[in-house]
Structures are given as structure tokens and as C-alpha cells.
Amino acid sequence: MVREPGATVVHGALDDETARAARRIAEKAEAVDDVAGLSEQAFAAIGTDRVTHVVSSDGGSLVGYANITPGRDDEPAMVEAVVDPPGRGQGVGDELIAAALEEAGPGSRAWAHGDLPAAQAVARSRGLVSLRELLSMRRPLGDPQNPLPPLTVPDDLVLRTYAGSGDDAEILRVNNAAFDWHPEQGGWSIDEITARTGSDWFDPEGLFLVFDRADPDILLGFHWTKVHPATDTEPSIGEVYIVGVDTGTQGRGLGKLLTLAGLIHLEERGLPIVELYVEGDNAAALHTYEKLGFTRHSIDVAYGRPITP
């Protein structure tokens, strides 16, 4: 049977059946590719009206899904797409990206998680170029040949873990100050905090907060760790989920201190590997993580039209 070409743009929330099918496709693609087809944010948005949806079907069955996250302030809209593995090789991905970028408007970009060959081929066919890179870095834990350095907390600092919702406002403040430039991480509301503290994976003992001893109510920085359950291809993995340091406190080594505290916590939980994501052009962060033993594992690329001066 020849598939009818075309992708459909959906404004507003998807119906429940289509949303379930989109989640299944994303999960199947991750199992096949060993890389998530959609980011955490894009996957969570499948059942909502926060994004614009693009769907492709064959004989009444969903074979491809994309969504468009509007840009914050002057940032471009971001597209993420995933194709059902059995339906690949029929132009579904190309159709989804074309329809989504047209709907998203000038300057929009499309993420290619893992920058797989199929995604590179779609980018070439559409005249898209790499405009942003997000690196995945990993290091082993519990390896006597690659030990973590000892953790030393200066006397003028207080390091503790999350104590409940009373910490949320300060975490939000520091997050938005530290990531005011970041398309996805910046501009959060309290809803983004409570959604994560209320999730199944959240562990209050894995959220580290640092304060000045002289002003213990004002947060200086935080490190939010996360644990991913084991899959058919990988063991359970720890993640340096978010490290945020208030802009007025940079230069005190708080990023390294917080990162190390979280790594030790994950190692004590018996996790064999820890991963993190960092912007490819963030030289300072890359230097910090490389000094802590991280090496590059994979890359996500945001493709878009070439930027003209």
C-alpha cells in the first residue's frame, strides 16, 4: 500500500488516542536508536495545548509526530520530530520537518537528537545548517582508576539538600537568573519547579542547595540530579540535570562544588555512569566538566536556515 503523503498541523491539544500514539512512537524510536527522539520538554507537551502539533498518518495510524515550541522573547521557535521506526524511509520525517518549519515561521530551528544520519539527510535536503550544538558528556562512577576528588565545603558556605516547597521560590529565582539567555531553561514559572518536584523520579536528597552562611535565606546556587531507570541496552544512569549559579556569585567555584556534591551522591547510590548536557559553545562549563573526568558521548544539533548578516 502506498502511503498518502502530507502532514497535518494541529492547533490546540491532541485527542487522547493520538497523544498516546505519539508517545508510543517516541518510546519505540528511543528503543531502536538508543537516543531519545524527543526532549523531556517536547515529550511532556504531547498531551497539552502549550505547543503546536504536526502529525502524519498512514491508513488511519500515526506514523510521525512533531511539535513546535514557541520561542521565548526573541528566541526562535523550536521543532522536534520523531518517526515510527517501521514507517521510516518513506519521506515522513522530511514532510514533518517541512510542515513544522513552515508553520513555525522565519528563524525556526529543528532539533536532531543524536544527529543521526537520517536527520542529517533531511537537513541537507531542506538546505538547513547546524546553528546550535548540545553535547552529552559522561563519566564513570565508582571506578578506582577515575576517582572523584574529595568534597570540601568552605566555612563561609552552607550546603544542604531540598527541604520542601519553601525552597521553590529561591530555586526559581536563581534558575531564571542563571539561564536568562537559555531558550528552554530560562523564563520558567513556579509550575516548572512543582512539575519536577512532583514527578516520580524526584528525590529531595538529590537536589543540592548552597547558601552563604552569613545570609542563609538567599540561595547562591543549586544542583538538581536525576536518575534514569535501566533499559534493555543500558544500566540505570545518573544525570547532572541542572546546575544553576546566581549571576552575582560567579567566580567562587560554586558550580564545581555543587556538581561534585551531586556526583558523590549519585556514586553513593551505586550508579555506574553519570551524564550531563552542555551547550557546545560554553567553553567555561566544558572546561569544568572535563576537569571532573567527563568526556563527550553524543551530540544534539539544532538545524535551521543559514543566518545572513
Protein backbone atom coordinates (compact mmCIF):
# COMPACT_ATOMS: atom_id res chain seq x y z
CA MET A 1 0.00 0.00 0.00
CA VAL A 2 1.32 3.44 -0.90
CA ARG A 3 1.17 5.94 1.90
CA GLU A 4 -0.73 9.15 1.28
CA PRO A 5 1.82 11.96 1.65
CA GLY A 6 1.31 15.01 3.80
CA ALA A 7 1.48 16.25 7.37
CA THR A 8 -1.31 17.95 9.30
CA VAL A 9 -0.86 20.88 11.67
CA VAL A 10 -2.99 20.70 14.82
CA HIS A 11 -3.61 23.79 16.96
CA GLY A 12 -4.73 23.03 20.49
CA ALA A 13 -4.43 19.72 22.32
CA LEU A 14 -4.40 16.38 20.50
CA ASP A 15 -7.15 13.90 21.20
CA ASP A 16 -6.20 11.26 23.76
CA GLU A 17 -5.76 8.46 21.22
CA THR A 18 -3.41 10.48 19.03
CA ALA A 19 -1.43 11.66 22.05
CA ARG A 20 -0.98 8.06 23.23
CA ALA A 21 0.15 7.03 19.75
CA ALA A 22 2.68 9.88 19.63
CA ARG A 23 4.14 8.81 22.98
CA ARG A 24 4.41 5.21 21.78
CA ILE A 25 6.25 6.32 18.65
CA ALA A 26 8.73 8.34 20.71
CA GLU A 27 9.33 5.40 23.05
CA LYS A 28 9.78 2.95 20.15
CA ALA A 29 12.20 5.30 18.41
CA GLU A 30 14.29 5.68 21.55
CA ALA A 31 14.48 1.90 21.95
CA VAL A 32 15.65 1.48 18.34
CA ASP A 33 18.02 4.46 18.10
CA ASP A 34 19.39 4.38 21.66
CA VAL A 35 18.73 8.13 21.80
CA ALA A 36 15.57 9.99 22.75
CA GLY A 37 13.65 11.18 19.69
CA LEU A 38 12.06 13.98 21.71
CA SER A 39 13.43 16.02 24.58
CA GLU A 40 11.87 15.77 28.03
CA GLN A 41 10.00 19.04 27.44
CA ALA A 42 8.70 18.05 23.99
CA PHE A 43 7.57 14.63 25.23
CA ALA A 44 5.76 16.18 28.20
CA ALA A 45 3.99 18.63 25.86
CA ILE A 46 2.40 15.92 23.68
CA GLY A 47 -0.83 15.92 25.66
CA THR A 48 -1.08 19.70 26.07
CA ASP A 49 -2.00 22.82 24.14
CA ARG A 50 1.29 24.55 25.03
CA VAL A 51 2.73 23.62 21.64
CA THR A 52 1.54 23.29 18.05
CA HIS A 53 1.38 19.67 16.91
CA VAL A 54 2.16 18.21 13.49
CA VAL A 55 1.04 14.67 12.67
CA SER A 56 1.48 12.28 9.77
CA SER A 57 -0.74 9.22 9.35
CA ASP A 58 -0.94 6.15 7.13
CA GLY A 59 -4.23 4.32 6.82
CA GLY A 60 -5.54 5.94 9.97
CA SER A 61 -2.46 5.08 12.06
CA LEU A 62 0.00 7.69 13.26
CA VAL A 63 3.45 7.22 11.69
CA GLY A 64 5.13 10.50 12.60
CA TYR A 65 4.81 13.31 15.10
CA ALA A 66 6.36 16.73 15.62
CA ASN A 67 5.70 19.67 17.86
CA ILE A 68 6.60 23.34 17.78
CA THR A 69 7.57 25.15 20.95
CA PRO A 70 7.21 28.92 20.58
CA GLY A 71 10.32 30.96 21.22
CA ARG A 72 10.65 32.97 24.42
CA ASP A 73 11.21 36.71 23.95
CA ASP A 74 13.31 36.97 20.76
CA GLU A 75 14.34 33.30 20.67
CA PRO A 76 13.34 31.19 17.65
CA ALA A 77 10.61 28.57 17.75
CA MET A 78 11.97 25.02 18.16
CA VAL A 79 10.73 21.95 16.29
CA GLU A 80 11.18 18.34 17.39
CA ALA A 81 10.06 15.38 15.31
CA VAL A 82 10.03 11.61 15.56
CA VAL A 83 9.05 8.89 13.08
CA ASP A 84 7.75 5.42 13.86
CA PRO A 85 10.69 3.07 13.08
CA PRO A 86 8.67 0.72 10.79
CA GLY A 87 7.48 3.75 8.79
CA ARG A 88 10.90 5.21 8.08
CA GLY A 89 12.37 5.59 4.61
CA GLN A 90 9.13 6.91 3.12
CA GLY A 91 9.70 10.63 3.49
CA VAL A 92 7.70 11.04 6.71
CA GLY A 93 10.46 12.88 8.53
CA ASP A 94 11.03 15.25 5.63
CA GLU A 95 7.29 16.05 5.49
CA LEU A 96 7.07 16.65 9.22
CA ILE A 97 10.07 18.97 9.29
CA ALA A 98 8.92 20.90 6.21
CA ALA A 99 5.41 21.41 7.58
CA ALA A 100 6.61 22.25 11.09
CA LEU A 101 9.23 24.78 9.99
CA GLU A 102 6.75 26.47 7.67
CA GLU A 103 4.22 26.70 10.49
CA ALA A 104 6.87 27.88 12.99
CA GLY A 105 7.93 30.76 10.77
CA PRO A 106 11.20 32.56 9.97
CA GLY A 107 14.22 31.71 12.09
CA SER A 108 12.74 28.49 13.48
CA ARG A 109 15.01 25.53 14.12
CA ALA A 110 14.65 21.76 14.29
CA TRP A 111 16.41 19.56 16.84
CA ALA A 112 18.15 16.40 15.68
CA HIS A 113 18.76 14.39 18.84
CA GLY A 114 21.86 12.28 18.35
CA ASP A 115 22.33 13.93 14.93
CA LEU A 116 21.54 10.58 13.29
CA PRO A 117 22.24 10.05 9.55
CA ALA A 118 18.53 10.25 8.65
CA ALA A 119 18.25 13.64 10.35
CA GLN A 120 21.37 14.87 8.58
CA ALA A 121 19.87 13.77 5.25
CA VAL A 122 16.64 15.69 5.92
CA ALA A 123 18.66 18.77 6.86
CA ARG A 124 20.67 18.59 3.63
CA SER A 125 17.56 18.12 1.50
CA ARG A 126 15.98 21.20 3.08
CA GLY A 127 19.10 23.37 2.90
CA LEU A 128 19.42 23.54 6.68
CA VAL A 129 22.69 24.05 8.55
CA SER A 130 23.83 23.47 12.13
CA LEU A 131 23.08 26.55 14.27
CA ARG A 132 23.41 25.14 17.78
CA GLU A 133 25.00 22.08 19.37
CA LEU A 134 24.16 20.43 22.68
CA LEU A 135 26.76 17.94 23.88
CA SER A 136 26.11 14.86 26.00
CA MET A 137 29.06 14.09 28.28
CA ARG A 138 29.58 11.08 30.53
CA ARG A 139 31.96 9.78 33.17
CA PRO A 140 32.10 6.50 35.10
CA LEU A 141 31.32 6.37 38.82
CA GLY A 142 32.84 4.01 41.35
CA ASP A 143 35.93 3.48 39.19
CA PRO A 144 39.13 3.36 41.29
CA GLN A 145 41.09 4.35 38.17
CA ASN A 146 38.99 7.51 37.79
CA PRO A 147 38.00 8.59 41.32
CA LEU A 148 36.06 11.69 42.19
CA PRO A 149 38.01 14.38 44.04
CA PRO A 150 37.11 14.92 47.71
CA LEU A 151 34.37 17.40 48.54
CA THR A 152 35.43 20.36 50.69
CA VAL A 153 32.79 22.93 51.65
CA PRO A 154 34.31 26.32 52.63
CA ASP A 155 33.45 27.56 56.12
CA ASP A 156 31.51 30.55 54.76
CA LEU A 157 29.07 28.32 52.84
CA VAL A 158 26.20 26.04 53.84
CA LEU A 159 25.46 23.06 51.60
CA ARG A 160 22.22 21.17 52.15
CA THR A 161 19.53 19.28 50.26
CA TYR A 162 15.99 20.28 49.34
CA ALA A 163 13.77 20.87 52.37
CA GLY A 164 10.39 21.25 50.67
CA SER A 165 8.30 23.76 48.77
CA GLY A 166 9.66 26.62 50.86
CA ASP A 167 12.82 26.38 48.74
CA ASP A 168 10.97 26.65 45.42
CA ALA A 169 10.88 30.44 45.09
CA GLU A 170 14.65 30.75 45.55
CA ILE A 171 15.34 27.88 43.14
CA LEU A 172 13.14 29.60 40.56
CA ARG A 173 14.88 32.95 41.08
CA VAL A 174 18.37 31.50 40.67
CA ASN A 175 17.33 29.35 37.70
CA ASN A 176 15.92 32.29 35.78
CA ALA A 177 18.90 34.50 36.62
CA ALA A 178 21.43 31.85 35.63
CA PHE A 179 19.63 30.86 32.43
CA ASP A 180 18.11 34.14 31.25
CA TRP A 181 19.88 33.52 27.92
CA HIS A 182 18.74 29.90 27.52
CA PRO A 183 15.84 29.10 25.15
CA GLU A 184 14.50 26.15 27.16
CA GLN A 185 15.85 26.56 30.68
CA GLY A 186 15.18 30.26 31.13
CA GLY A 187 11.92 32.06 31.77
CA TRP A 188 10.44 29.37 34.00
CA SER A 189 7.41 29.84 36.21
CA ILE A 190 6.81 28.09 39.51
CA ASP A 191 4.87 25.46 37.53
CA GLU A 192 8.12 24.12 36.04
CA ILE A 193 9.54 23.65 39.51
CA THR A 194 6.47 21.96 41.01
CA ALA A 195 6.05 19.69 37.99
CA ARG A 196 9.54 18.32 38.61
CA THR A 197 9.34 18.07 42.39
CA GLY A 198 6.05 16.22 41.92
CA SER A 199 7.39 13.75 39.36
CA ASP A 200 8.05 10.07 40.01
CA TRP A 201 11.81 10.45 39.58
CA PHE A 202 12.25 13.35 42.02
CA ASP A 203 14.47 12.67 45.04
CA PRO A 204 14.82 15.55 47.53
CA GLU A 205 18.13 14.07 48.67
CA GLY A 206 19.42 14.60 45.14
CA LEU A 207 18.71 18.35 44.94
CA PHE A 208 21.63 20.28 46.46
CA LEU A 209 21.43 23.92 47.56
CA VAL A 210 24.26 26.21 48.63
CA PHE A 211 23.90 29.37 50.75
CA ASP A 212 26.19 31.98 52.24
CA ARG A 213 26.46 31.25 55.95
CA ALA A 214 26.01 34.97 56.68
CA ASP A 215 22.75 35.12 54.69
CA PRO A 216 21.21 31.63 54.80
CA ASP A 217 17.89 32.66 53.24
CA ILE A 218 19.37 33.72 49.89
CA LEU A 219 20.23 30.84 47.57
CA LEU A 220 23.56 31.08 45.74
CA GLY A 221 23.20 28.03 43.53
CA PHE A 222 21.73 24.57 43.16
CA HIS A 223 22.40 21.19 41.55
CA TRP A 224 19.46 19.05 40.60
CA THR A 225 20.38 15.42 39.97
CA LYS A 226 18.23 12.82 38.27
CA VAL A 227 18.30 9.03 37.90
CA HIS A 228 17.21 7.31 34.70
CA PRO A 229 15.98 3.72 35.10
CA ALA A 230 17.75 0.88 33.35
CA THR A 231 16.72 -0.02 29.79
CA ASP A 232 17.30 -3.07 27.61
CA THR A 233 20.57 -1.56 26.41
CA GLU A 234 21.88 0.48 29.36
CA PRO A 235 22.08 0.28 33.14
CA SER A 236 20.50 2.90 35.37
CA ILE A 237 22.26 6.21 34.74
CA GLY A 238 22.62 9.31 36.88
CA GLU A 239 22.32 12.77 35.41
CA VAL A 240 23.64 16.20 36.26
CA TYR A 241 20.18 17.53 35.45
CA ILE A 242 20.54 21.26 36.21
CA VAL A 243 23.38 23.24 37.76
CA GLY A 244 22.40 26.87 38.30
CA VAL A 245 24.53 29.54 39.97
CA ASP A 246 23.28 33.07 40.64
CA THR A 247 24.99 35.54 38.34
CA GLY A 248 26.21 37.68 41.22
CA THR A 249 28.18 34.82 42.79
CA GLN A 250 30.22 33.59 39.84
CA GLY A 251 33.94 33.15 40.39
CA ARG A 252 33.56 31.48 43.80
CA GLY A 253 33.78 27.92 42.48
CA LEU A 254 30.15 27.17 43.34
CA GLY A 255 29.47 25.35 40.07
CA LYS A 256 32.25 22.85 40.70
CA LEU A 257 31.27 22.46 44.37
CA LEU A 258 27.63 21.75 43.55
CA THR A 259 28.46 19.44 40.66
CA LEU A 260 30.84 17.41 42.81
CA ALA A 261 28.28 17.13 45.64
CA GLY A 262 25.77 15.68 43.20
CA LEU A 263 28.29 13.29 41.66
CA ILE A 264 29.22 11.90 45.07
CA HIS A 265 25.53 11.43 45.86
CA LEU A 266 24.95 9.51 42.62
CA GLU A 267 28.06 7.39 43.20
CA GLU A 268 26.87 6.54 46.72
CA ARG A 269 23.61 5.32 45.19
CA GLY A 270 25.64 2.75 43.25
CA LEU A 271 25.12 4.22 39.79
CA PRO A 272 27.87 3.21 37.34
CA ILE A 273 27.60 6.18 34.96
CA VAL A 274 26.59 9.83 35.08
CA GLU A 275 25.71 12.04 32.14
CA LEU A 276 25.10 15.73 31.54
CA TYR A 277 24.19 18.07 28.72
CA VAL A 278 26.04 21.28 27.94
CA GLU A 279 25.97 23.85 25.15
CA GLY A 280 28.73 23.16 22.65
CA ASP A 281 29.97 26.76 22.79
CA ASN A 282 30.04 27.03 26.61
CA ALA A 283 33.81 26.85 26.98
CA ALA A 284 33.85 27.53 30.72
CA ALA A 285 31.39 24.74 31.53
CA LEU A 286 33.14 22.32 29.19
CA HIS A 287 36.44 23.04 30.96
CA THR A 288 34.87 22.43 34.38
CA TYR A 289 33.28 19.14 33.34
CA GLU A 290 36.38 17.87 31.56
CA LYS A 291 38.42 18.54 34.73
CA LEU A 292 35.88 16.39 36.61
CA GLY A 293 36.53 13.50 34.21
CA PHE A 294 33.68 13.88 31.73
CA THR A 295 34.18 13.01 28.07
CA ARG A 296 31.94 13.63 25.07
CA HIS A 297 29.35 10.93 24.39
CA SER A 298 26.92 12.26 21.75
CA ILE A 299 25.59 15.45 20.22
CA ASP A 300 22.22 17.06 19.54
CA VAL A 301 22.12 19.59 16.70
CA ALA A 302 19.61 22.37 16.06
CA TYR A 303 19.28 22.88 12.30
CA GLY A 304 17.86 25.95 10.59
CA ARG A 305 18.19 28.20 7.60
CA PRO A 306 21.61 29.84 7.25
CA ILE A 307 21.77 33.15 9.12
CA THR A 308 22.65 36.02 6.82
CA PRO A 309 24.44 39.12 8.16
